[in-house]
Amino acid sequence: MKMRKILVFAAFLALPALLFSAEPPAQEWCQVYFTTPEKNSRNAAVSFPEKALIGVIDGAKTYIDGSFFEIGSIKVADAFIRAHKRGVKVRLVTDDRNRKKPACKKAESAGIKIIDDGKKGLMHDKFAVVDGRTVWTGSYNITDNCAYRNNNNAIRIDSPELASIYEAEFREMFEERVFQNRKETKAAAVLANPYYVKIGNTDINAYFSPDNDIERILVKRIAKAKKSVYFMAFSFTSDPMGEAMIAAHKKGVTVEGVFEKRGSDTAESEYKKMLVEGIPVALDRNKRNMHHKVIIIDEKTVITGSYNFSKNASRKNDENILVIDNAEIAAKYIAEFKHLYYSK
């Protein structure tokens, strides 16, 4: 009896810690999705990012603001149309060269307002804001190729604060018709713009190109690596980022990466330079494309979004990235990296 009282008292003392000290599990506010092209046939019924995005659209109550380089999936276009018909306000931005594709035209014909950038640079974003609380982004374009044949990732985060940051970027394009904005590239502008949120103990930064000079930000992040840098790169031609990874390797940081095979043999690619420096980098084995744009630092920081590691992405295109400091989320991206790096 005495022992039981002691145990009950101990449990009572521990209760506040259980209730108030734990960080919310990432799965409560964040979901990560990867395509599985090695498992998909041409007519596969399921792609995890596509299915998840359609679920987000079908669950919208008031509005969807989406900025997508390409709207090529009829399935997703039909989801936008369903939302529009039930009274959800749907507004979309796309790149001018993809405006006339069938899925995009179908959505527009149904009454959905769509604009394009009309610029030489790419409107290369892949993000949506839903109902002022959900952010969707990643490397996944809304196309059948990206859903079923290419390696891609997507991430959904429920955060009104993060949604407001992405909403401001969307409105700049949709309402003000400002694209490839370089007016904010000064360091002071980055400090003046709201770009940071905290969810539990997780720090999240959102950046947009060319506004925020993403290349400079990523070089600094790589330089601060203490243990490891893993990356998956569809296009990696940035000399400053390549040099930062070589410098990290030389000071003893584990640096490993997967390059998309296409373009890896060009003089601009960082692939051969890293091989010469002894960095264990590999070419992907997907007959289509390895379309990720991901860096994982020290097994706790994930960098993902639309941003290829290139000069054009840094200086000419509309792009977005998230920098997420969460080991649980990082582990999911590391698993994808290992799957691609060690696949035969």
C-alpha atoms as a PDB file:
ATOM      1  CA  MET A   1       0.000   0.000   0.000  1.00  0.00           C
ATOM      2  CA  LYS A   2       2.804   2.398   0.919  1.00  0.00           C
ATOM      3  CA  MET A   3       4.661   1.585  -2.315  1.00  0.00           C
ATOM      4  CA  ARG A   4       1.490   2.241  -4.342  1.00  0.00           C
ATOM      5  CA  LYS A   5       1.153   5.683  -2.739  1.00  0.00           C
ATOM      6  CA  ILE A   6       4.772   6.463  -3.576  1.00  0.00           C
ATOM      7  CA  LEU A   7       4.253   5.451  -7.222  1.00  0.00           C
ATOM      8  CA  VAL A   8       1.061   7.503  -7.515  1.00  0.00           C
ATOM      9  CA  PHE A   9       2.810  10.523  -5.981  1.00  0.00           C
ATOM     10  CA  ALA A  10       5.771  10.125  -8.367  1.00  0.00           C
ATOM     11  CA  ALA A  11       3.416   9.931 -11.342  1.00  0.00           C
ATOM     12  CA  PHE A  12       1.655  13.083 -10.129  1.00  0.00           C
ATOM     13  CA  LEU A  13       4.967  14.940  -9.942  1.00  0.00           C
ATOM     14  CA  ALA A  14       5.884  13.810 -13.468  1.00  0.00           C
ATOM     15  CA  LEU A  15       2.538  14.807 -14.974  1.00  0.00           C
ATOM     16  CA  PRO A  16       3.388  18.481 -15.649  1.00  0.00           C
ATOM     17  CA  ALA A  17       6.499  17.463 -17.561  1.00  0.00           C
ATOM     18  CA  LEU A  18       4.519  15.038 -19.676  1.00  0.00           C
ATOM     19  CA  LEU A  19       1.876  17.644 -20.395  1.00  0.00           C
ATOM     20  CA  PHE A  20       3.973  20.716 -21.032  1.00  0.00           C
ATOM     21  CA  SER A  21       7.599  19.918 -21.878  1.00  0.00           C
ATOM     22  CA  ALA A  22       7.318  17.692 -24.937  1.00  0.00           C
ATOM     23  CA  GLU A  23       7.544  19.177 -28.432  1.00  0.00           C
ATOM     24  CA  PRO A  24       4.539  18.403 -30.647  1.00  0.00           C
ATOM     25  CA  PRO A  25       5.424  15.438 -32.877  1.00  0.00           C
ATOM     26  CA  ALA A  26       6.223  16.591 -36.416  1.00  0.00           C
ATOM     27  CA  GLN A  27       3.508  14.377 -37.844  1.00  0.00           C
ATOM     28  CA  GLU A  28       0.899  16.562 -36.123  1.00  0.00           C
ATOM     29  CA  TRP A  29       1.755  19.627 -38.202  1.00  0.00           C
ATOM     30  CA  CYS A  30       3.961  18.314 -41.005  1.00  0.00           C
ATOM     31  CA  GLN A  31       3.664  15.585 -43.620  1.00  0.00           C
ATOM     32  CA  VAL A  32       6.403  14.603 -46.095  1.00  0.00           C
ATOM     33  CA  TYR A  33       5.765  12.723 -49.339  1.00  0.00           C
ATOM     34  CA  PHE A  34       8.051  11.060 -51.895  1.00  0.00           C
ATOM     35  CA  THR A  35       7.329   9.639 -55.318  1.00  0.00           C
ATOM     36  CA  THR A  36       8.167   5.988 -55.981  1.00  0.00           C
ATOM     37  CA  PRO A  37       8.893   5.771 -59.727  1.00  0.00           C
ATOM     38  CA  GLU A  38      10.615   2.406 -59.334  1.00  0.00           C
ATOM     39  CA  LYS A  39       7.257   0.960 -58.207  1.00  0.00           C
ATOM     40  CA  ASN A  40       5.030   2.783 -60.677  1.00  0.00           C
ATOM     41  CA  SER A  41       3.956   1.659 -64.102  1.00  0.00           C
ATOM     42  CA  ARG A  42       3.005   4.223 -66.721  1.00  0.00           C
ATOM     43  CA  ASN A  43      -0.630   3.914 -65.654  1.00  0.00           C
ATOM     44  CA  ALA A  44      -0.040   3.616 -61.909  1.00  0.00           C
ATOM     45  CA  ALA A  45      -3.053   4.618 -59.844  1.00  0.00           C
ATOM     46  CA  VAL A  46      -1.193   6.233 -56.940  1.00  0.00           C
ATOM     47  CA  SER A  47       1.508   8.845 -56.537  1.00  0.00           C
ATOM     48  CA  PHE A  48       1.897   9.937 -52.932  1.00  0.00           C
ATOM     49  CA  PRO A  49       2.488  13.664 -53.594  1.00  0.00           C
ATOM     50  CA  GLU A  50      -0.291  13.805 -56.188  1.00  0.00           C
ATOM     51  CA  LYS A  51      -2.754  11.975 -53.940  1.00  0.00           C
ATOM     52  CA  ALA A  52      -1.833  14.186 -50.981  1.00  0.00           C
ATOM     53  CA  LEU A  53      -2.145  17.422 -52.979  1.00  0.00           C
ATOM     54  CA  ILE A  54      -5.565  16.385 -54.289  1.00  0.00           C
ATOM     55  CA  GLY A  55      -6.541  15.670 -50.671  1.00  0.00           C
ATOM     56  CA  VAL A  56      -5.419  19.157 -49.623  1.00  0.00           C
ATOM     57  CA  ILE A  57      -7.405  20.731 -52.484  1.00  0.00           C
ATOM     58  CA  ASP A  58     -10.504  18.631 -51.762  1.00  0.00           C
ATOM     59  CA  GLY A  59     -10.294  19.650 -48.108  1.00  0.00           C
ATOM     60  CA  ALA A  60     -10.122  23.405 -48.805  1.00  0.00           C
ATOM     61  CA  LYS A  61     -12.928  25.429 -47.222  1.00  0.00           C
ATOM     62  CA  THR A  62     -12.393  29.053 -48.291  1.00  0.00           C
ATOM     63  CA  TYR A  63      -9.486  29.604 -50.680  1.00  0.00           C
ATOM     64  CA  ILE A  64      -6.519  28.115 -52.540  1.00  0.00           C
ATOM     65  CA  ASP A  65      -3.684  30.318 -53.804  1.00  0.00           C
ATOM     66  CA  GLY A  66      -1.237  28.270 -55.854  1.00  0.00           C
ATOM     67  CA  SER A  67       1.977  29.173 -57.632  1.00  0.00           C
ATOM     68  CA  PHE A  68       3.082  26.283 -59.858  1.00  0.00           C
ATOM     69  CA  PHE A  69       5.662  26.212 -62.653  1.00  0.00           C
ATOM     70  CA  GLU A  70       3.519  23.714 -64.536  1.00  0.00           C
ATOM     71  CA  ILE A  71      -0.108  22.651 -64.175  1.00  0.00           C
ATOM     72  CA  GLY A  72      -0.134  19.570 -66.368  1.00  0.00           C
ATOM     73  CA  SER A  73      -2.062  16.934 -64.406  1.00  0.00           C
ATOM     74  CA  ILE A  74      -5.707  16.532 -65.392  1.00  0.00           C
ATOM     75  CA  LYS A  75      -6.375  14.851 -62.020  1.00  0.00           C
ATOM     76  CA  VAL A  76      -5.136  17.901 -60.110  1.00  0.00           C
ATOM     77  CA  ALA A  77      -6.859  20.311 -62.499  1.00  0.00           C
ATOM     78  CA  ASP A  78     -10.121  18.456 -61.843  1.00  0.00           C
ATOM     79  CA  ALA A  79      -9.543  18.854 -58.088  1.00  0.00           C
ATOM     80  CA  PHE A  80      -9.115  22.621 -58.551  1.00  0.00           C
ATOM     81  CA  ILE A  81     -12.338  22.669 -60.583  1.00  0.00           C
ATOM     82  CA  ARG A  82     -14.241  20.727 -57.881  1.00  0.00           C
ATOM     83  CA  ALA A  83     -13.058  23.253 -55.296  1.00  0.00           C
ATOM     84  CA  HIS A  84     -14.091  26.163 -57.523  1.00  0.00           C
ATOM     85  CA  LYS A  85     -17.561  24.684 -58.069  1.00  0.00           C
ATOM     86  CA  ARG A  86     -18.204  24.291 -54.342  1.00  0.00           C
ATOM     87  CA  GLY A  87     -17.408  27.968 -53.755  1.00  0.00           C
ATOM     88  CA  VAL A  88     -13.723  27.862 -52.832  1.00  0.00           C
ATOM     89  CA  LYS A  89     -11.805  30.841 -54.226  1.00  0.00           C
ATOM     90  CA  VAL A  90      -9.059  29.394 -56.438  1.00  0.00           C
ATOM     91  CA  ARG A  91      -6.295  31.606 -57.851  1.00  0.00           C
ATOM     92  CA  LEU A  92      -3.293  30.224 -59.719  1.00  0.00           C
ATOM     93  CA  VAL A  93       0.021  31.520 -61.061  1.00  0.00           C
ATOM     94  CA  THR A  94       2.068  29.616 -63.635  1.00  0.00           C
ATOM     95  CA  ASP A  95       4.989  30.094 -66.000  1.00  0.00           C
ATOM     96  CA  ASP A  96       4.078  31.660 -69.339  1.00  0.00           C
ATOM     97  CA  ARG A  97       5.421  28.743 -71.386  1.00  0.00           C
ATOM     98  CA  ASN A  98       3.050  26.330 -69.627  1.00  0.00           C
ATOM     99  CA  ARG A  99      -0.111  28.465 -69.690  1.00  0.00           C
ATOM    100  CA  LYS A 100      -1.600  26.799 -72.779  1.00  0.00           C
ATOM    101  CA  LYS A 101      -1.214  23.164 -71.725  1.00  0.00           C
ATOM    102  CA  PRO A 102      -4.474  21.148 -71.629  1.00  0.00           C
ATOM    103  CA  ALA A 103      -4.838  20.809 -67.842  1.00  0.00           C
ATOM    104  CA  CYS A 104      -4.187  24.492 -67.296  1.00  0.00           C
ATOM    105  CA  LYS A 105      -6.624  25.469 -70.061  1.00  0.00           C
ATOM    106  CA  LYS A 106      -9.257  23.136 -68.624  1.00  0.00           C
ATOM    107  CA  ALA A 107      -9.037  24.802 -65.208  1.00  0.00           C
ATOM    108  CA  GLU A 108      -9.181  28.259 -66.749  1.00  0.00           C
ATOM    109  CA  SER A 109     -12.141  27.326 -68.945  1.00  0.00           C
ATOM    110  CA  ALA A 110     -14.007  26.260 -65.794  1.00  0.00           C
ATOM    111  CA  GLY A 111     -13.707  29.821 -64.473  1.00  0.00           C
ATOM    112  CA  ILE A 112     -10.546  29.604 -62.383  1.00  0.00           C
ATOM    113  CA  LYS A 113      -8.430  32.757 -62.541  1.00  0.00           C
ATOM    114  CA  ILE A 114      -4.901  31.975 -63.807  1.00  0.00           C
ATOM    115  CA  ILE A 115      -2.097  34.385 -64.628  1.00  0.00           C
ATOM    116  CA  ASP A 116       1.435  33.837 -65.916  1.00  0.00           C
ATOM    117  CA  ASP A 117       4.710  35.657 -65.434  1.00  0.00           C
ATOM    118  CA  GLY A 118       5.278  36.728 -69.050  1.00  0.00           C
ATOM    119  CA  LYS A 119       9.008  36.976 -68.314  1.00  0.00           C
ATOM    120  CA  LYS A 120      12.220  35.542 -69.726  1.00  0.00           C
ATOM    121  CA  GLY A 121      13.119  34.011 -66.380  1.00  0.00           C
ATOM    122  CA  LEU A 122      11.113  31.093 -65.006  1.00  0.00           C
ATOM    123  CA  MET A 123       8.230  31.314 -62.577  1.00  0.00           C
ATOM    124  CA  HIS A 124       9.581  28.079 -61.119  1.00  0.00           C
ATOM    125  CA  ASP A 125       7.749  28.004 -57.754  1.00  0.00           C
ATOM    126  CA  LYS A 126       5.789  24.946 -56.635  1.00  0.00           C
ATOM    127  CA  PHE A 127       3.722  26.062 -53.654  1.00  0.00           C
ATOM    128  CA  ALA A 128       0.180  26.580 -52.467  1.00  0.00           C
ATOM    129  CA  VAL A 129      -1.474  28.278 -49.514  1.00  0.00           C
ATOM    130  CA  VAL A 130      -4.828  26.863 -48.394  1.00  0.00           C
ATOM    131  CA  ASP A 131      -7.329  28.489 -46.021  1.00  0.00           C
ATOM    132  CA  GLY A 132      -4.660  30.682 -44.445  1.00  0.00           C
ATOM    133  CA  ARG A 133      -3.064  27.822 -42.507  1.00  0.00           C
ATOM    134  CA  THR A 134      -1.647  25.139 -44.823  1.00  0.00           C
ATOM    135  CA  VAL A 135       1.511  25.466 -46.936  1.00  0.00           C
ATOM    136  CA  TRP A 136       2.355  22.962 -49.669  1.00  0.00           C
ATOM    137  CA  THR A 137       5.730  22.993 -51.445  1.00  0.00           C
ATOM    138  CA  GLY A 138       8.647  20.832 -52.616  1.00  0.00           C
ATOM    139  CA  SER A 139      10.208  19.747 -55.910  1.00  0.00           C
ATOM    140  CA  TYR A 140       7.040  18.138 -57.306  1.00  0.00           C
ATOM    141  CA  ASN A 141       5.581  19.815 -60.398  1.00  0.00           C
ATOM    142  CA  ILE A 142       1.886  19.153 -61.053  1.00  0.00           C
ATOM    143  CA  THR A 143       2.555  16.793 -63.972  1.00  0.00           C
ATOM    144  CA  ASP A 144       2.269  13.074 -64.646  1.00  0.00           C
ATOM    145  CA  ASN A 145       6.030  12.858 -65.184  1.00  0.00           C
ATOM    146  CA  CYS A 146       6.803  14.400 -61.809  1.00  0.00           C
ATOM    147  CA  ALA A 147       4.146  12.296 -60.070  1.00  0.00           C
ATOM    148  CA  TYR A 148       4.895   8.886 -61.566  1.00  0.00           C
ATOM    149  CA  ARG A 149       8.252   8.838 -63.362  1.00  0.00           C
ATOM    150  CA  ASN A 150      10.588  11.258 -61.589  1.00  0.00           C
ATOM    151  CA  ASN A 151      11.977  11.205 -58.045  1.00  0.00           C
ATOM    152  CA  ASN A 152      10.353  14.086 -56.175  1.00  0.00           C
ATOM    153  CA  ASN A 153       9.398  15.258 -52.723  1.00  0.00           C
ATOM    154  CA  ALA A 154       6.600  17.378 -51.329  1.00  0.00           C
ATOM    155  CA  ILE A 155       5.914  18.728 -47.872  1.00  0.00           C
ATOM    156  CA  ARG A 156       2.749  19.976 -46.193  1.00  0.00           C
ATOM    157  CA  ILE A 157       2.999  22.194 -43.116  1.00  0.00           C
ATOM    158  CA  ASP A 158       0.056  23.476 -41.083  1.00  0.00           C
ATOM    159  CA  SER A 159       1.041  26.875 -39.717  1.00  0.00           C
ATOM    160  CA  PRO A 160      -0.893  30.153 -40.083  1.00  0.00           C
ATOM    161  CA  GLU A 161       2.362  32.077 -39.572  1.00  0.00           C
ATOM    162  CA  LEU A 162       4.175  30.250 -42.375  1.00  0.00           C
ATOM    163  CA  ALA A 163       1.083  30.509 -44.572  1.00  0.00           C
ATOM    164  CA  SER A 164       1.121  34.292 -44.179  1.00  0.00           C
ATOM    165  CA  ILE A 165       4.734  34.435 -45.446  1.00  0.00           C
ATOM    166  CA  TYR A 166       3.887  32.416 -48.556  1.00  0.00           C
ATOM    167  CA  GLU A 167       0.652  34.354 -49.025  1.00  0.00           C
ATOM    168  CA  ALA A 168       2.596  37.621 -49.231  1.00  0.00           C
ATOM    169  CA  GLU A 169       4.811  36.146 -51.968  1.00  0.00           C
ATOM    170  CA  PHE A 170       1.770  34.886 -53.871  1.00  0.00           C
ATOM    171  CA  ARG A 171       0.004  38.252 -53.707  1.00  0.00           C
ATOM    172  CA  GLU A 172       3.119  39.996 -54.969  1.00  0.00           C
ATOM    173  CA  MET A 173       2.854  37.895 -58.128  1.00  0.00           C
ATOM    174  CA  PHE A 174      -0.916  37.547 -58.545  1.00  0.00           C
ATOM    175  CA  GLU A 175      -2.127  40.978 -57.428  1.00  0.00           C
ATOM    176  CA  GLU A 176       0.875  43.228 -58.116  1.00  0.00           C
ATOM    177  CA  ARG A 177       2.194  41.318 -61.169  1.00  0.00           C
ATOM    178  CA  VAL A 178       5.730  41.457 -59.763  1.00  0.00           C
ATOM    179  CA  PHE A 179       7.923  38.599 -60.958  1.00  0.00           C
ATOM    180  CA  GLN A 180      11.646  37.859 -60.664  1.00  0.00           C
ATOM    181  CA  ASN A 181      11.864  40.677 -58.123  1.00  0.00           C
ATOM    182  CA  ARG A 182      15.452  41.653 -57.319  1.00  0.00           C
ATOM    183  CA  LYS A 183      14.649  44.800 -55.373  1.00  0.00           C
ATOM    184  CA  GLU A 184      14.955  42.975 -52.042  1.00  0.00           C
ATOM    185  CA  THR A 185      18.348  41.354 -52.513  1.00  0.00           C
ATOM    186  CA  LYS A 186      20.095  43.683 -50.066  1.00  0.00           C
ATOM    187  CA  ALA A 187      20.910  42.141 -46.677  1.00  0.00           C
ATOM    188  CA  ALA A 188      18.775  44.751 -44.881  1.00  0.00           C
ATOM    189  CA  ALA A 189      15.747  43.697 -46.919  1.00  0.00           C
ATOM    190  CA  VAL A 190      16.119  40.098 -45.726  1.00  0.00           C
ATOM    191  CA  LEU A 191      16.133  41.298 -42.122  1.00  0.00           C
ATOM    192  CA  ALA A 192      13.090  43.494 -42.737  1.00  0.00           C
ATOM    193  CA  ASN A 193      10.981  40.730 -44.258  1.00  0.00           C
ATOM    194  CA  PRO A 194       9.128  38.211 -42.090  1.00  0.00           C
ATOM    195  CA  TYR A 195      10.620  34.880 -43.071  1.00  0.00           C
ATOM    196  CA  TYR A 196      10.882  32.921 -39.792  1.00  0.00           C
ATOM    197  CA  VAL A 197       8.423  30.851 -37.747  1.00  0.00           C
ATOM    198  CA  LYS A 198       8.757  28.477 -34.824  1.00  0.00           C
ATOM    199  CA  ILE A 199       6.532  25.437 -34.323  1.00  0.00           C
ATOM    200  CA  GLY A 200       7.207  23.839 -30.956  1.00  0.00           C
ATOM    201  CA  ASN A 201      11.006  23.590 -30.889  1.00  0.00           C
ATOM    202  CA  THR A 202      11.316  23.566 -34.686  1.00  0.00           C
ATOM    203  CA  ASP A 203      12.811  26.611 -36.408  1.00  0.00           C
ATOM    204  CA  ILE A 204      11.615  27.181 -39.968  1.00  0.00           C
ATOM    205  CA  ASN A 205      12.889  29.779 -42.419  1.00  0.00           C
ATOM    206  CA  ALA A 206      11.260  30.522 -45.781  1.00  0.00           C
ATOM    207  CA  TYR A 207      13.169  32.272 -48.544  1.00  0.00           C
ATOM    208  CA  PHE A 208      12.303  33.379 -52.066  1.00  0.00           C
ATOM    209  CA  SER A 209      14.465  33.895 -55.102  1.00  0.00           C
ATOM    210  CA  PRO A 210      15.754  36.203 -56.412  1.00  0.00           C
ATOM    211  CA  ASP A 211      14.515  38.416 -53.552  1.00  0.00           C
ATOM    212  CA  ASN A 212      16.572  36.860 -50.748  1.00  0.00           C
ATOM    213  CA  ASP A 213      19.817  35.756 -52.450  1.00  0.00           C
ATOM    214  CA  ILE A 214      19.280  32.095 -51.643  1.00  0.00           C
ATOM    215  CA  GLU A 215      22.692  31.054 -52.951  1.00  0.00           C
ATOM    216  CA  ARG A 216      24.409  33.189 -50.308  1.00  0.00           C
ATOM    217  CA  ILE A 217      22.146  31.796 -47.584  1.00  0.00           C
ATOM    218  CA  LEU A 218      22.861  28.186 -48.575  1.00  0.00           C
ATOM    219  CA  VAL A 219      26.620  28.751 -48.787  1.00  0.00           C
ATOM    220  CA  LYS A 220      26.555  30.032 -45.201  1.00  0.00           C
ATOM    221  CA  ARG A 221      24.475  27.073 -44.033  1.00  0.00           C
ATOM    222  CA  ILE A 222      26.877  24.590 -45.641  1.00  0.00           C
ATOM    223  CA  ALA A 223      29.880  26.388 -44.130  1.00  0.00           C
ATOM    224  CA  LYS A 224      28.400  25.915 -40.648  1.00  0.00           C
ATOM    225  CA  ALA A 225      28.022  22.131 -41.039  1.00  0.00           C
ATOM    226  CA  LYS A 226      29.796  20.223 -38.257  1.00  0.00           C
ATOM    227  CA  LYS A 227      29.038  16.594 -39.021  1.00  0.00           C
ATOM    228  CA  SER A 228      27.500  15.898 -42.422  1.00  0.00           C
ATOM    229  CA  VAL A 229      26.049  17.309 -45.635  1.00  0.00           C
ATOM    230  CA  TYR A 230      23.894  15.066 -47.826  1.00  0.00           C
ATOM    231  CA  PHE A 231      22.288  16.368 -51.005  1.00  0.00           C
ATOM    232  CA  MET A 232      20.087  15.341 -53.924  1.00  0.00           C
ATOM    233  CA  ALA A 233      20.395  17.674 -56.905  1.00  0.00           C
ATOM    234  CA  PHE A 234      18.553  17.769 -60.210  1.00  0.00           C
ATOM    235  CA  SER A 235      20.831  20.599 -61.328  1.00  0.00           C
ATOM    236  CA  PHE A 236      24.005  21.610 -59.490  1.00  0.00           C
ATOM    237  CA  THR A 237      26.009  24.248 -61.327  1.00  0.00           C
ATOM    238  CA  SER A 238      26.537  26.809 -58.537  1.00  0.00           C
ATOM    239  CA  ASP A 239      30.292  27.314 -58.060  1.00  0.00           C
ATOM    240  CA  PRO A 240      29.891  29.000 -54.639  1.00  0.00           C
ATOM    241  CA  MET A 241      27.799  26.105 -53.317  1.00  0.00           C
ATOM    242  CA  GLY A 242      30.159  23.555 -54.829  1.00  0.00           C
ATOM    243  CA  GLU A 243      33.163  25.284 -53.261  1.00  0.00           C
ATOM    244  CA  ALA A 244      31.383  25.411 -49.904  1.00  0.00           C
ATOM    245  CA  MET A 245      30.813  21.645 -50.012  1.00  0.00           C
ATOM    246  CA  ILE A 246      34.418  20.982 -51.037  1.00  0.00           C
ATOM    247  CA  ALA A 247      35.612  23.170 -48.146  1.00  0.00           C
ATOM    248  CA  ALA A 248      33.355  21.271 -45.739  1.00  0.00           C
ATOM    249  CA  HIS A 249      34.748  17.960 -47.022  1.00  0.00           C
ATOM    250  CA  LYS A 250      38.334  19.169 -46.523  1.00  0.00           C
ATOM    251  CA  LYS A 251      37.699  20.057 -42.886  1.00  0.00           C
ATOM    252  CA  GLY A 252      36.380  16.569 -42.142  1.00  0.00           C
ATOM    253  CA  VAL A 253      32.635  16.946 -42.638  1.00  0.00           C
ATOM    254  CA  THR A 254      31.009  13.956 -44.361  1.00  0.00           C
ATOM    255  CA  VAL A 255      29.757  15.185 -47.739  1.00  0.00           C
ATOM    256  CA  GLU A 256      27.802  12.839 -50.005  1.00  0.00           C
ATOM    257  CA  GLY A 257      25.438  13.559 -52.860  1.00  0.00           C
ATOM    258  CA  VAL A 258      23.292  12.235 -55.678  1.00  0.00           C
ATOM    259  CA  PHE A 259      23.286  14.069 -59.019  1.00  0.00           C
ATOM    260  CA  GLU A 260      20.740  13.769 -61.785  1.00  0.00           C
ATOM    261  CA  LYS A 261      22.662  12.004 -64.551  1.00  0.00           C
ATOM    262  CA  ARG A 262      21.454  14.335 -67.284  1.00  0.00           C
ATOM    263  CA  GLY A 263      23.783  17.334 -67.446  1.00  0.00           C
ATOM    264  CA  SER A 264      26.314  15.884 -65.001  1.00  0.00           C
ATOM    265  CA  ASP A 265      28.960  15.574 -67.724  1.00  0.00           C
ATOM    266  CA  THR A 266      28.873  19.269 -68.664  1.00  0.00           C
ATOM    267  CA  ALA A 267      31.630  21.731 -67.779  1.00  0.00           C
ATOM    268  CA  GLU A 268      29.173  23.699 -65.634  1.00  0.00           C
ATOM    269  CA  SER A 269      28.211  20.767 -63.396  1.00  0.00           C
ATOM    270  CA  GLU A 270      29.834  20.424 -59.983  1.00  0.00           C
ATOM    271  CA  TYR A 271      29.813  16.616 -60.293  1.00  0.00           C
ATOM    272  CA  LYS A 272      33.292  16.047 -61.761  1.00  0.00           C
ATOM    273  CA  LYS A 273      34.826  18.738 -59.542  1.00  0.00           C
ATOM    274  CA  MET A 274      33.587  16.923 -56.452  1.00  0.00           C
ATOM    275  CA  LEU A 275      34.845  13.577 -57.734  1.00  0.00           C
ATOM    276  CA  VAL A 276      38.303  15.077 -58.260  1.00  0.00           C
ATOM    277  CA  GLU A 277      38.240  16.351 -54.668  1.00  0.00           C
ATOM    278  CA  GLY A 278      37.421  12.857 -53.397  1.00  0.00           C
ATOM    279  CA  ILE A 279      33.804  13.519 -52.457  1.00  0.00           C
ATOM    280  CA  PRO A 280      31.728  10.323 -52.825  1.00  0.00           C
ATOM    281  CA  VAL A 281      29.002  11.528 -55.182  1.00  0.00           C
ATOM    282  CA  ALA A 282      26.809   9.280 -57.306  1.00  0.00           C
ATOM    283  CA  LEU A 283      24.622   9.573 -60.389  1.00  0.00           C
ATOM    284  CA  ASP A 284      20.995   8.604 -60.086  1.00  0.00           C
ATOM    285  CA  ARG A 285      19.744   5.460 -61.820  1.00  0.00           C
ATOM    286  CA  ASN A 286      16.243   6.613 -62.718  1.00  0.00           C
ATOM    287  CA  LYS A 287      15.749   6.372 -66.484  1.00  0.00           C
ATOM    288  CA  ARG A 288      13.674   9.528 -66.192  1.00  0.00           C
ATOM    289  CA  ASN A 289      14.765  12.281 -63.791  1.00  0.00           C
ATOM    290  CA  MET A 290      15.943  12.565 -60.197  1.00  0.00           C
ATOM    291  CA  HIS A 291      14.210  15.900 -59.642  1.00  0.00           C
ATOM    292  CA  HIS A 292      14.962  16.584 -55.941  1.00  0.00           C
ATOM    293  CA  LYS A 293      16.520  19.861 -54.764  1.00  0.00           C
ATOM    294  CA  VAL A 294      17.395  18.853 -51.207  1.00  0.00           C
ATOM    295  CA  ILE A 295      20.222  19.373 -48.712  1.00  0.00           C
ATOM    296  CA  ILE A 296      20.343  17.755 -45.258  1.00  0.00           C
ATOM    297  CA  ILE A 297      22.877  19.234 -42.821  1.00  0.00           C
ATOM    298  CA  ASP A 298      24.075  17.531 -39.622  1.00  0.00           C
ATOM    299  CA  GLU A 299      21.131  15.111 -39.795  1.00  0.00           C
ATOM    300  CA  LYS A 300      18.806  17.771 -38.405  1.00  0.00           C
ATOM    301  CA  THR A 301      18.405  20.573 -40.954  1.00  0.00           C
ATOM    302  CA  VAL A 302      16.454  20.044 -44.185  1.00  0.00           C
ATOM    303  CA  ILE A 303      16.530  22.442 -47.122  1.00  0.00           C
ATOM    304  CA  THR A 304      13.889  21.756 -49.757  1.00  0.00           C
ATOM    305  CA  GLY A 305      11.732  23.538 -52.310  1.00  0.00           C
ATOM    306  CA  SER A 306      11.776  24.496 -55.970  1.00  0.00           C
ATOM    307  CA  TYR A 307      15.311  25.918 -55.999  1.00  0.00           C
ATOM    308  CA  ASN A 308      17.888  24.165 -58.194  1.00  0.00           C
ATOM    309  CA  PHE A 309      21.500  24.820 -57.229  1.00  0.00           C
ATOM    310  CA  SER A 310      22.208  27.095 -60.190  1.00  0.00           C
ATOM    311  CA  LYS A 311      22.929  30.689 -61.159  1.00  0.00           C
ATOM    312  CA  ASN A 312      19.584  31.046 -62.951  1.00  0.00           C
ATOM    313  CA  ALA A 313      17.681  29.855 -59.885  1.00  0.00           C
ATOM    314  CA  SER A 314      19.557  32.385 -57.777  1.00  0.00           C
ATOM    315  CA  ARG A 315      19.337  35.410 -60.077  1.00  0.00           C
ATOM    316  CA  LYS A 316      16.606  34.992 -62.686  1.00  0.00           C
ATOM    317  CA  ASN A 317      13.797  32.724 -61.488  1.00  0.00           C
ATOM    318  CA  ASP A 318      10.979  32.922 -58.988  1.00  0.00           C
ATOM    319  CA  GLU A 319      11.857  30.145 -56.518  1.00  0.00           C
ATOM    320  CA  ASN A 320      11.154  29.189 -52.919  1.00  0.00           C
ATOM    321  CA  ILE A 321      12.868  27.113 -50.229  1.00  0.00           C
ATOM    322  CA  LEU A 322      12.210  26.028 -46.671  1.00  0.00           C
ATOM    323  CA  VAL A 323      14.978  25.521 -44.111  1.00  0.00           C
ATOM    324  CA  ILE A 324      13.604  23.238 -41.389  1.00  0.00           C
ATOM    325  CA  ASP A 325      15.540  22.410 -38.209  1.00  0.00           C
ATOM    326  CA  ASN A 326      13.960  19.146 -37.079  1.00  0.00           C
ATOM    327  CA  ALA A 327      15.778  15.800 -36.768  1.00  0.00           C
ATOM    328  CA  GLU A 328      12.572  13.785 -37.148  1.00  0.00           C
ATOM    329  CA  ILE A 329      11.796  15.408 -40.489  1.00  0.00           C
ATOM    330  CA  ALA A 330      15.452  15.245 -41.555  1.00  0.00           C
ATOM    331  CA  ALA A 331      15.445  11.474 -40.977  1.00  0.00           C
ATOM    332  CA  LYS A 332      12.764  11.061 -43.639  1.00  0.00           C
ATOM    333  CA  TYR A 333      14.838  12.932 -46.209  1.00  0.00           C
ATOM    334  CA  ILE A 334      17.967  10.991 -45.225  1.00  0.00           C
ATOM    335  CA  ALA A 335      16.066   7.749 -45.865  1.00  0.00           C
ATOM    336  CA  GLU A 336      15.197   8.986 -49.356  1.00  0.00           C
ATOM    337  CA  PHE A 337      18.811  10.033 -49.920  1.00  0.00           C
ATOM    338  CA  LYS A 338      20.119   6.619 -48.870  1.00  0.00           C
ATOM    339  CA  HIS A 339      17.519   4.887 -51.037  1.00  0.00           C
ATOM    340  CA  LEU A 340      18.802   6.771 -54.098  1.00  0.00           C
ATOM    341  CA  TYR A 341      22.496   6.791 -53.178  1.00  0.00           C
ATOM    342  CA  TYR A 342      22.732   3.051 -52.552  1.00  0.00           C
ATOM    343  CA  SER A 343      20.232   1.850 -55.168  1.00  0.00           C
ATOM    344  CA  LYS A 344      21.672  -0.381 -57.864  1.00  0.00           C
END
